[in-house]
Amino acid sequence: MKLTASLPATVALSAAFALAACSGGETPSGSGSANSGDGDIVRINLDPYPSTYEPQPSGTTLIRGGTVLDGIGGQIENGDVLIENGRIAAIGTGLEAPEGATVIDAAGRYVTPGVIDIHSHLGVYPSPGVRAHSDGNEATQPVTAEVWAEHSVWPQDPGFEHALAGGVTTLHVLPGSANLFGGRGVTLRNVSGRTVQDMKFPDAPYTLKMACGENPSRVYGGRGRSPATDMGNVAGYREAWIRASNYRDDWHEYWESAEAGEDASPPTQDLELDTLMGVLEGEILVQMHCYRADQMAQIIDMSHEFGYQVTTFHHGVEAYKIPDLLAENDICAAVWADWGGFKMEAYDSIRENLAMTHANGACAMIHSDDDNGIQRLNQEVAKALADGRRAGLDISEAEAWAWLSSNPANALGIGDETGSLQEGYRADVVLWSGNPYSTYTRADQVWIDGALSYDRSDAGMQPVRDFMLGQPGEGEQ
């Protein structure tokens, strides 16, 4: 639920009372997770748990006279952003305020697209961090592509509001990295809701979390089973992709026969293989935990072997070694600014990683992987930008903002809806108190789909999850 200025503060303290309108998912042909009929032909429902997200009502708002970073490399001094009907209506200078518009003086402040975190575990590893809330890793077997992170998301996680205060308007919640195939991720709007479906970004593609390297081999090798080595990891991936390829062929043979009027029986549905088939069909985006350059190169070779696309390598501390390979294969790197050295596969990290990967032609971005880091991703980008400049890389502030807005949006398949300030895009906007690369700057106001969702100066516009009601520190952000 996004709170508007007309709502009293008491409503803000009970955000989960809002009801979201329900809408049914359609049943297209192809891969997915739930059978349904199409005449006498069995199809598979691609979206059995559709989004019920509904934007909050929004008026017309003109943010006037700020420094505007549009998220795709542009910077406008003394710029204006006009929001109408939940969308960006215009961006430029000297815009006229429509009748009845709320006009906000942004002089001396910055306006940017909302922050997008492509790697979060909010909701699946929520606060308080107790064992009962540890729902992010189905670490029971190396391949658990059948599980979905959204079925573990706890909508009352107070971390969502803390992220909102840091300008985060969209986040991608992933399973953990214990497994070769950890399950599906989900892209969420950073709004309060009674259910995760109330938060799901409408029509955002599903994703698949995969992990390479030490994590799966350590988890399962420690139990005396495969995978226990990198070669065991790759063998496990390949075996799963072979099964998925055969499963896909069986379904296509069935559909072709049934559509030709032949008497055909559908394959037995398999939830694990539904997800892997979705990747092979190009419907589900692979988001892969991988640190070392040599391992990323091997994963790319395997994707060629089975004909699927890796969308993003997450963590990628050695992405700076292979930017040309990433660019050639249209793969992004989601990285930290300065985390490294905490295990052997992270040993060869450098602080210039993000800037060097970007400057050498690859898609690169920041990510958090942390419930605290998500609150200050603007400062993480500031560190990466400063390190790049010290290394002699000429990267502008406007160019770097793509690292936490348009690049993650594109890598999540929602770049035509959000991540930049362009006419017709969702009005996900942050007004910062000053330059957002300063440690002294805070998000003053945050709009999601044009609705004012957070206001640093108004306690009634600082939503609080139900779990925090009556708790120490309630509302502190």
Protein backbone atom coordinates (compact mmCIF):
# COMPACT_ATOMS: atom_id res chain seq x y z
CA MET A 1 0.00 0.00 0.00
CA LYS A 2 1.29 3.42 -0.92
CA LEU A 3 0.17 6.20 1.39
CA THR A 4 -1.08 9.48 -0.05
CA ALA A 5 -0.87 12.84 1.68
CA SER A 6 -4.58 12.79 2.44
CA LEU A 7 -4.35 9.66 4.59
CA PRO A 8 -3.95 10.07 8.35
CA ALA A 9 -0.87 8.81 10.14
CA THR A 10 -2.91 6.07 11.83
CA VAL A 11 -3.48 4.50 8.44
CA ALA A 12 0.27 4.57 7.75
CA LEU A 13 0.81 2.45 10.84
CA SER A 14 -1.48 -0.25 9.49
CA ALA A 15 -0.36 -0.49 5.90
CA ALA A 16 -1.32 -4.12 5.48
CA PHE A 17 -5.04 -3.38 5.86
CA ALA A 18 -5.23 -2.29 2.23
CA LEU A 19 -7.06 -4.59 -0.16
CA ALA A 20 -5.72 -5.20 -3.64
CA ALA A 21 -8.04 -5.91 -6.53
CA CYS A 22 -7.78 -9.49 -7.75
CA SER A 23 -7.19 -10.29 -11.39
CA GLY A 24 -6.99 -13.67 -13.04
CA GLY A 25 -4.00 -14.90 -14.99
CA GLU A 26 -4.42 -15.97 -18.59
CA THR A 27 -3.31 -19.36 -19.79
CA PRO A 28 -1.01 -19.06 -22.79
CA SER A 29 0.58 -22.04 -24.46
CA GLY A 30 4.16 -22.87 -23.60
CA SER A 31 5.96 -23.69 -20.41
CA GLY A 32 4.98 -22.80 -16.88
CA SER A 33 3.64 -24.49 -13.78
CA ALA A 34 -0.05 -25.38 -13.85
CA ASN A 35 -2.04 -27.40 -16.32
CA SER A 36 -5.23 -26.05 -17.86
CA GLY A 37 -7.39 -26.93 -20.79
CA ASP A 38 -7.40 -25.41 -24.28
CA GLY A 39 -10.23 -27.35 -25.85
CA ASP A 40 -8.97 -30.91 -25.60
CA ILE A 41 -5.32 -29.82 -25.67
CA VAL A 42 -3.50 -29.55 -22.35
CA ARG A 43 -1.58 -26.31 -21.95
CA ILE A 44 0.62 -25.11 -19.12
CA ASN A 45 -0.22 -21.93 -17.25
CA LEU A 46 2.75 -19.59 -17.31
CA ASP A 47 1.49 -17.43 -14.45
CA PRO A 48 -0.47 -19.43 -11.85
CA TYR A 49 0.19 -16.81 -9.14
CA PRO A 50 -0.46 -13.53 -10.97
CA SER A 51 0.24 -10.10 -9.57
CA THR A 52 -2.62 -8.41 -7.75
CA TYR A 53 -0.66 -5.17 -7.43
CA GLU A 54 -2.70 -2.02 -7.97
CA PRO A 55 -1.02 1.40 -7.93
CA GLN A 56 -2.30 3.81 -5.32
CA PRO A 57 -4.24 6.79 -6.62
CA SER A 58 -1.96 9.60 -7.67
CA GLY A 59 -2.53 13.16 -8.63
CA THR A 60 -0.57 15.50 -10.87
CA THR A 61 2.83 16.52 -9.54
CA LEU A 62 5.43 18.87 -10.98
CA ILE A 63 8.90 18.59 -9.46
CA ARG A 64 10.54 21.83 -10.50
CA GLY A 65 14.05 23.24 -10.69
CA GLY A 66 16.22 20.32 -9.56
CA THR A 67 19.23 18.60 -11.06
CA VAL A 68 17.67 15.70 -12.93
CA LEU A 69 19.58 12.48 -13.61
CA ASP A 70 17.39 10.53 -16.03
CA GLY A 71 18.95 7.11 -15.42
CA ILE A 72 20.16 6.64 -18.99
CA GLY A 73 23.09 9.05 -18.95
CA GLY A 74 21.32 12.38 -19.21
CA GLN A 75 21.59 15.28 -16.78
CA ILE A 76 19.36 18.36 -16.80
CA GLU A 77 20.24 21.39 -14.71
CA ASN A 78 17.28 23.33 -13.35
CA GLY A 79 15.15 20.49 -14.69
CA ASP A 80 11.50 19.62 -14.22
CA VAL A 81 9.65 16.31 -14.05
CA LEU A 82 5.90 16.19 -14.57
CA ILE A 83 3.93 13.24 -13.20
CA GLU A 84 0.39 12.54 -14.40
CA ASN A 85 -1.77 9.44 -14.01
CA GLY A 86 1.09 7.52 -12.42
CA ARG A 87 3.43 8.06 -15.38
CA ILE A 88 6.15 10.46 -16.44
CA ALA A 89 4.25 12.98 -18.57
CA ALA A 90 7.20 15.24 -19.41
CA ILE A 91 10.80 15.94 -18.48
CA GLY A 92 12.73 19.08 -19.37
CA THR A 93 13.04 22.71 -18.32
CA GLY A 94 10.45 25.42 -17.88
CA LEU A 95 7.49 23.02 -17.79
CA GLU A 96 4.10 24.56 -17.05
CA ALA A 97 2.19 23.23 -14.07
CA PRO A 98 -1.24 21.87 -15.10
CA GLU A 99 -4.24 23.19 -13.22
CA GLY A 100 -4.52 21.58 -9.80
CA ALA A 101 -1.00 20.15 -9.86
CA THR A 102 1.10 19.85 -6.73
CA VAL A 103 4.29 21.83 -7.38
CA ILE A 104 7.43 20.88 -5.48
CA ASP A 105 10.43 23.19 -5.41
CA ALA A 106 13.49 21.01 -6.01
CA ALA A 107 16.04 23.83 -6.23
CA GLY A 108 19.37 22.69 -4.82
CA ARG A 109 18.23 19.07 -4.82
CA TYR A 110 18.46 16.10 -7.20
CA VAL A 111 15.75 14.10 -8.95
CA THR A 112 16.41 10.54 -10.12
CA PRO A 113 14.60 7.36 -11.09
CA GLY A 114 13.86 5.07 -8.16
CA VAL A 115 16.61 2.71 -7.06
CA ILE A 116 16.30 -0.90 -8.27
CA ASP A 117 18.08 -3.67 -6.38
CA ILE A 118 18.54 -6.72 -8.60
CA HIS A 119 19.79 -8.95 -5.76
CA SER A 120 17.85 -8.86 -2.50
CA HIS A 121 16.77 -11.43 0.06
CA LEU A 122 14.27 -9.20 1.85
CA GLY A 123 11.19 -11.19 2.76
CA VAL A 124 12.90 -14.58 2.49
CA TYR A 125 15.55 -13.68 5.08
CA PRO A 126 13.61 -10.97 6.92
CA SER A 127 14.17 -9.15 10.17
CA PRO A 128 14.27 -10.27 12.90
CA GLY A 129 16.83 -12.76 11.62
CA VAL A 130 15.70 -15.83 13.49
CA ARG A 131 15.74 -19.44 12.35
CA ALA A 132 11.99 -19.46 11.78
CA HIS A 133 12.48 -16.70 9.18
CA SER A 134 15.33 -18.45 7.33
CA ASP A 135 13.30 -19.30 4.24
CA GLY A 136 15.70 -18.50 1.41
CA ASN A 137 17.58 -21.77 0.80
CA GLU A 138 15.86 -25.07 0.04
CA ALA A 139 19.18 -26.79 0.71
CA THR A 140 17.87 -30.33 0.54
CA GLN A 141 19.19 -31.36 -2.88
CA PRO A 142 21.42 -29.66 -5.48
CA VAL A 143 18.58 -29.01 -7.96
CA THR A 144 15.49 -27.30 -6.55
CA ALA A 145 14.30 -25.38 -9.59
CA GLU A 146 10.74 -26.23 -8.56
CA VAL A 147 10.71 -23.82 -5.59
CA TRP A 148 9.73 -20.15 -5.91
CA ALA A 149 11.06 -17.37 -3.68
CA GLU A 150 7.67 -15.68 -3.65
CA HIS A 151 6.27 -18.58 -1.67
CA SER A 152 8.72 -17.71 1.13
CA VAL A 153 8.41 -13.91 1.05
CA TRP A 154 7.04 -12.53 4.33
CA PRO A 155 5.32 -9.27 3.39
CA GLN A 156 5.69 -7.88 6.93
CA ASP A 157 9.50 -7.71 6.74
CA PRO A 158 10.40 -4.27 8.17
CA GLY A 159 13.35 -4.20 5.77
CA PHE A 160 11.05 -3.17 2.93
CA GLU A 161 10.30 0.17 4.60
CA HIS A 162 13.96 0.73 5.46
CA ALA A 163 14.80 0.20 1.79
CA LEU A 164 12.04 2.61 0.78
CA ALA A 165 13.68 5.29 2.91
CA GLY A 166 16.80 4.70 0.82
CA GLY A 167 14.94 5.38 -2.42
CA VAL A 168 14.33 1.73 -3.44
CA THR A 169 11.16 1.45 -5.50
CA THR A 170 11.67 -2.02 -7.05
CA LEU A 171 13.60 -5.05 -5.83
CA HIS A 172 14.30 -8.54 -7.06
CA VAL A 173 14.07 -11.18 -4.34
CA LEU A 174 16.08 -14.35 -4.92
CA PRO A 175 16.52 -17.70 -3.23
CA GLY A 176 19.91 -18.29 -1.65
CA SER A 177 22.95 -19.83 -3.31
CA ALA A 178 23.29 -23.24 -1.63
CA ASN A 179 22.11 -25.09 -4.74
CA LEU A 180 23.07 -25.46 -8.38
CA PHE A 181 19.52 -24.39 -9.21
CA GLY A 182 18.03 -22.54 -6.26
CA GLY A 183 14.58 -21.77 -7.63
CA ARG A 184 12.65 -18.87 -9.08
CA GLY A 185 13.13 -15.25 -8.10
CA VAL A 186 10.41 -12.60 -8.01
CA THR A 187 10.43 -8.87 -8.83
CA LEU A 188 8.51 -6.73 -6.35
CA ARG A 189 7.24 -3.20 -6.09
CA ASN A 190 8.42 -1.77 -2.77
CA VAL A 191 4.91 -1.25 -1.44
CA SER A 192 3.09 -2.65 1.55
CA GLY A 193 0.71 -5.51 0.90
CA ARG A 194 -1.10 -8.27 2.70
CA THR A 195 0.30 -10.85 0.28
CA VAL A 196 3.36 -11.09 -1.91
CA GLN A 197 1.04 -11.01 -4.93
CA ASP A 198 0.03 -7.49 -3.83
CA MET A 199 3.69 -6.52 -4.29
CA LYS A 200 4.56 -8.39 -7.50
CA PHE A 201 5.62 -6.23 -10.43
CA PRO A 202 2.91 -6.84 -13.04
CA ASP A 203 4.10 -8.93 -15.99
CA ALA A 204 7.74 -8.97 -14.87
CA PRO A 205 9.41 -12.14 -16.18
CA TYR A 206 10.14 -14.91 -13.76
CA THR A 207 13.80 -15.54 -13.04
CA LEU A 208 15.88 -18.59 -12.12
CA LYS A 209 18.58 -18.39 -9.46
CA MET A 210 21.61 -20.54 -10.21
CA ALA A 211 24.91 -20.70 -8.33
CA CYS A 212 28.41 -21.76 -9.30
CA GLY A 213 31.60 -22.19 -7.33
CA GLU A 214 32.20 -22.84 -3.67
CA ASN A 215 28.67 -22.62 -2.27
CA PRO A 216 27.01 -25.70 -3.78
CA SER A 217 30.18 -27.81 -3.65
CA ARG A 218 30.75 -26.88 -0.01
CA VAL A 219 27.13 -27.52 1.04
CA TYR A 220 26.79 -30.89 -0.64
CA GLY A 221 30.41 -32.02 -0.54
CA GLY A 222 30.24 -31.46 3.21
CA ARG A 223 27.48 -34.05 3.27
CA GLY A 224 29.56 -36.56 1.34
CA ARG A 225 27.56 -36.29 -1.84
CA SER A 226 27.81 -34.65 -5.25
CA PRO A 227 28.60 -31.93 -6.10
CA ALA A 228 31.78 -31.72 -4.08
CA THR A 229 33.93 -30.01 -6.72
CA ASP A 230 33.60 -27.55 -9.59
CA MET A 231 33.52 -30.46 -12.02
CA GLY A 232 30.68 -31.95 -10.00
CA ASN A 233 28.84 -28.63 -10.24
CA VAL A 234 29.07 -28.54 -14.02
CA ALA A 235 28.07 -32.19 -14.33
CA GLY A 236 25.02 -31.44 -12.20
CA TYR A 237 23.98 -28.51 -14.37
CA ARG A 238 24.42 -30.49 -17.58
CA GLU A 239 22.45 -33.47 -16.34
CA ALA A 240 19.57 -31.18 -15.39
CA TRP A 241 19.65 -29.34 -18.73
CA ILE A 242 19.58 -32.66 -20.61
CA ARG A 243 16.47 -33.71 -18.69
CA ALA A 244 14.90 -30.30 -19.31
CA SER A 245 15.67 -30.48 -23.05
CA ASN A 246 14.02 -33.88 -23.31
CA TYR A 247 11.03 -32.65 -21.31
CA ARG A 248 10.64 -29.64 -23.62
CA ASP A 249 10.83 -31.90 -26.69
CA ASP A 250 8.17 -34.19 -25.24
CA TRP A 251 5.79 -31.28 -24.68
CA HIS A 252 6.36 -29.86 -28.16
CA GLU A 253 5.82 -33.25 -29.75
CA TYR A 254 2.58 -33.57 -27.80
CA TRP A 255 1.36 -30.09 -28.80
CA GLU A 256 2.20 -30.67 -32.46
CA SER A 257 0.38 -33.99 -32.49
CA ALA A 258 -2.65 -32.68 -30.61
CA GLU A 259 -2.94 -29.59 -32.80
CA ALA A 260 -2.83 -31.86 -35.86
CA GLY A 261 -5.86 -33.72 -34.54
CA GLU A 262 -3.98 -36.84 -33.52
CA ASP A 263 -4.78 -38.84 -30.39
CA ALA A 264 -1.92 -37.80 -28.12
CA SER A 265 -1.28 -37.93 -24.38
CA PRO A 266 0.50 -35.05 -22.61
CA PRO A 267 3.70 -35.66 -20.66
CA THR A 268 3.48 -35.89 -16.89
CA GLN A 269 4.07 -32.43 -15.52
CA ASP A 270 7.23 -31.86 -13.48
CA LEU A 271 7.53 -28.57 -11.54
CA GLU A 272 11.32 -28.62 -11.58
CA LEU A 273 11.49 -29.17 -15.32
CA ASP A 274 8.75 -26.58 -15.95
CA THR A 275 11.14 -23.92 -14.68
CA LEU A 276 14.13 -25.22 -16.63
CA MET A 277 12.02 -25.51 -19.78
CA GLY A 278 10.95 -21.91 -19.24
CA VAL A 279 14.62 -20.91 -19.42
CA LEU A 280 15.16 -22.93 -22.60
CA GLU A 281 12.07 -21.27 -24.12
CA GLY A 282 13.40 -17.80 -23.27
CA GLU A 283 10.57 -17.03 -20.84
CA ILE A 284 12.55 -17.18 -17.57
CA LEU A 285 15.70 -15.10 -17.01
CA VAL A 286 18.81 -16.72 -15.51
CA GLN A 287 20.31 -14.76 -12.61
CA MET A 288 23.51 -16.58 -11.64
CA HIS A 289 25.70 -16.32 -8.56
CA CYS A 290 29.28 -16.59 -9.87
CA TYR A 291 32.50 -14.96 -8.66
CA ARG A 292 35.47 -16.02 -10.80
CA ALA A 293 36.10 -15.08 -14.42
CA ASP A 294 37.07 -18.61 -15.47
CA GLN A 295 33.89 -20.03 -13.98
CA MET A 296 31.74 -17.40 -15.70
CA ALA A 297 33.41 -18.32 -19.00
CA GLN A 298 32.59 -21.98 -18.47
CA ILE A 299 28.98 -21.17 -17.66
CA ILE A 300 28.77 -19.18 -20.90
CA ASP A 301 30.09 -22.20 -22.82
CA MET A 302 27.43 -24.37 -21.18
CA SER A 303 24.69 -21.89 -22.08
CA HIS A 304 25.78 -22.22 -25.71
CA GLU A 305 25.71 -26.00 -25.42
CA PHE A 306 22.06 -26.01 -24.33
CA GLY A 307 20.86 -22.90 -26.11
CA TYR A 308 19.82 -20.62 -23.26
CA GLN A 309 20.75 -17.10 -22.19
CA VAL A 310 22.44 -16.07 -18.96
CA THR A 311 20.99 -12.65 -18.13
CA THR A 312 23.23 -11.58 -15.24
CA PHE A 313 26.17 -12.88 -13.24
CA HIS A 314 25.69 -11.82 -9.63
CA HIS A 315 28.61 -10.89 -7.34
CA GLY A 316 31.05 -11.25 -10.28
CA VAL A 317 34.10 -9.99 -8.40
CA GLU A 318 36.26 -10.87 -11.41
CA ALA A 319 33.96 -9.40 -14.05
CA TYR A 320 36.66 -6.80 -14.77
CA LYS A 321 38.75 -9.60 -16.31
CA ILE A 322 36.18 -10.53 -18.98
CA PRO A 323 34.12 -7.45 -19.96
CA ASP A 324 34.54 -8.27 -23.64
CA LEU A 325 33.19 -11.79 -23.11
CA LEU A 326 30.23 -10.45 -21.15
CA ALA A 327 29.46 -7.84 -23.81
CA GLU A 328 29.74 -10.35 -26.68
CA ASN A 329 27.21 -12.58 -24.95
CA ASP A 330 24.87 -9.78 -23.80
CA ILE A 331 25.37 -10.66 -20.13
CA CYS A 332 25.34 -8.14 -17.28
CA ALA A 333 27.42 -8.17 -14.11
CA ALA A 334 25.78 -7.25 -10.79
CA VAL A 335 28.51 -6.52 -8.26
CA TRP A 336 29.38 -4.92 -4.95
CA ALA A 337 31.41 -1.75 -4.67
CA ASP A 338 34.11 -3.11 -2.39
CA TRP A 339 33.24 -6.47 -0.87
CA GLY A 340 35.91 -9.09 -1.44
CA GLY A 341 38.53 -11.32 0.08
CA PHE A 342 36.10 -13.09 2.41
CA LYS A 343 36.68 -16.47 0.71
CA MET A 344 39.04 -17.78 -1.95
CA GLU A 345 36.74 -17.24 -4.94
CA ALA A 346 36.36 -13.61 -3.83
CA TYR A 347 40.10 -13.16 -3.24
CA ASP A 348 40.96 -11.41 -6.52
CA SER A 349 38.47 -8.60 -6.05
CA ILE A 350 39.32 -4.98 -6.84
CA ARG A 351 37.47 -1.82 -5.91
CA GLU A 352 37.48 -0.66 -9.54
CA ASN A 353 35.51 -3.73 -10.70
CA LEU A 354 32.19 -2.01 -11.44
CA ALA A 355 33.72 1.00 -13.17
CA MET A 356 36.20 -1.06 -15.21
CA THR A 357 33.55 -3.55 -16.33
CA HIS A 358 31.31 -0.67 -17.43
CA ALA A 359 34.10 1.32 -19.09
CA ASN A 360 35.10 -1.71 -21.16
CA GLY A 361 31.68 -2.09 -22.74
CA ALA A 362 29.79 -4.53 -20.55
CA CYS A 363 26.47 -3.98 -18.78
CA ALA A 364 27.26 -3.49 -15.09
CA MET A 365 25.33 -2.54 -11.98
CA ILE A 366 25.39 -2.43 -8.21
CA HIS A 367 23.51 -4.87 -6.00
CA SER A 368 23.09 -5.30 -2.26
CA ASP A 369 22.67 -8.96 -1.20
CA ASP A 370 22.21 -7.37 2.20
CA ASP A 371 19.37 -5.89 4.24
CA ASN A 372 21.55 -2.96 5.31
CA GLY A 373 23.31 -2.34 2.01
CA ILE A 374 20.00 -2.00 0.18
CA GLN A 375 19.31 1.13 2.23
CA ARG A 376 22.26 3.05 0.74
CA LEU A 377 22.90 1.75 -2.76
CA ASN A 378 23.40 5.34 -3.90
CA GLN A 379 26.45 5.50 -1.63
CA GLU A 380 27.72 2.16 -2.94
CA VAL A 381 27.61 3.57 -6.47
CA ALA A 382 29.41 6.67 -5.21
CA LYS A 383 32.26 4.51 -3.92
CA ALA A 384 32.50 2.56 -7.18
CA LEU A 385 32.42 5.77 -9.21
CA ALA A 386 35.15 7.37 -7.09
CA ASP A 387 37.35 4.27 -7.37
CA GLY A 388 36.93 4.27 -11.13
CA ARG A 389 37.84 7.91 -11.39
CA ARG A 390 40.96 7.40 -9.30
CA ALA A 391 41.91 4.72 -11.82
CA GLY A 392 41.60 7.28 -14.61
CA LEU A 393 38.14 6.33 -15.90
CA ASP A 394 36.06 9.31 -17.02
CA ILE A 395 32.55 8.33 -15.96
CA SER A 396 29.96 11.02 -15.27
CA GLU A 397 27.53 11.07 -12.36
CA ALA A 398 24.64 10.84 -14.81
CA GLU A 399 26.17 7.83 -16.55
CA ALA A 400 26.77 6.02 -13.25
CA TRP A 401 23.14 6.34 -12.13
CA ALA A 402 22.29 3.63 -14.67
CA TRP A 403 24.14 1.25 -12.34
CA LEU A 404 21.22 1.32 -9.93
CA SER A 405 18.28 2.12 -12.19
CA SER A 406 18.09 1.37 -15.93
CA ASN A 407 20.70 -1.41 -16.04
CA PRO A 408 19.01 -3.54 -13.35
CA ALA A 409 15.63 -2.76 -14.90
CA ASN A 410 16.81 -4.08 -18.26
CA ALA A 411 18.37 -7.16 -16.65
CA LEU A 412 15.02 -7.93 -15.02
CA GLY A 413 13.04 -7.51 -18.24
CA ILE A 414 11.21 -4.40 -17.00
CA GLY A 415 13.37 -1.74 -18.66
CA ASP A 416 10.51 -0.61 -20.87
CA GLU A 417 8.47 0.27 -17.77
CA THR A 418 10.81 1.67 -15.15
CA GLY A 419 14.43 2.47 -14.36
CA SER A 420 14.61 5.80 -16.20
CA LEU A 421 12.80 9.11 -16.37
CA GLN A 422 11.25 8.98 -19.82
CA GLU A 423 7.82 10.00 -21.04
CA GLY A 424 5.32 7.20 -20.59
CA TYR A 425 7.37 5.29 -18.02
CA ARG A 426 6.12 4.50 -14.54
CA ALA A 427 6.66 7.48 -12.29
CA ASP A 428 9.12 5.84 -9.90
CA VAL A 429 10.95 8.93 -8.73
CA VAL A 430 13.20 10.00 -5.85
CA LEU A 431 13.78 13.57 -4.72
CA TRP A 432 17.09 13.68 -2.85
CA SER A 433 18.10 16.32 -0.28
CA GLY A 434 21.29 17.00 -2.24
CA ASN A 435 23.73 15.21 -4.51
CA PRO A 436 22.81 11.51 -4.10
CA TYR A 437 26.48 10.53 -4.20
CA SER A 438 27.10 12.34 -0.93
CA THR A 439 27.03 10.43 2.36
CA TYR A 440 25.12 13.37 3.83
CA THR A 441 22.25 13.11 1.33
CA ARG A 442 18.94 11.42 2.13
CA ALA A 443 15.86 10.61 0.12
CA ASP A 444 13.40 13.40 0.90
CA GLN A 445 10.45 11.99 -1.03
CA VAL A 446 9.77 8.81 -2.99
CA TRP A 447 7.03 8.24 -5.55
CA ILE A 448 5.97 4.82 -6.83
CA ASP A 449 3.71 4.88 -9.88
CA GLY A 450 3.23 8.58 -9.20
CA ALA A 451 1.89 8.10 -5.67
CA LEU A 452 3.85 9.71 -2.87
CA SER A 453 5.00 6.68 -0.86
CA TYR A 454 7.57 8.18 1.50
CA ASP A 455 8.23 11.66 2.87
CA ARG A 456 11.17 12.15 5.23
CA SER A 457 9.58 15.25 6.76
CA ASP A 458 6.16 13.68 7.43
CA ALA A 459 5.81 10.77 9.87
CA GLY A 460 2.38 10.08 8.38
CA MET A 461 4.09 9.29 5.08
CA GLN A 462 6.55 6.78 6.50
CA PRO A 463 4.72 3.45 6.36
CA VAL A 464 5.36 0.81 9.02
CA ARG A 465 4.78 -2.93 8.64
CA ASP A 466 2.25 -4.54 10.96
CA PHE A 467 4.96 -6.60 12.66
CA MET A 468 6.58 -3.42 13.99
CA LEU A 469 3.46 -2.07 15.67
CA GLY A 470 4.27 -1.68 19.35
CA GLN A 471 7.87 -2.85 18.86
CA PRO A 472 10.91 -0.90 20.09
CA GLY A 473 12.15 1.37 17.35
CA GLU A 474 8.79 1.33 15.56
CA GLY A 475 8.98 3.56 12.50
CA GLU A 476 12.68 4.39 12.87
CA GLN A 477 14.32 4.53 9.44
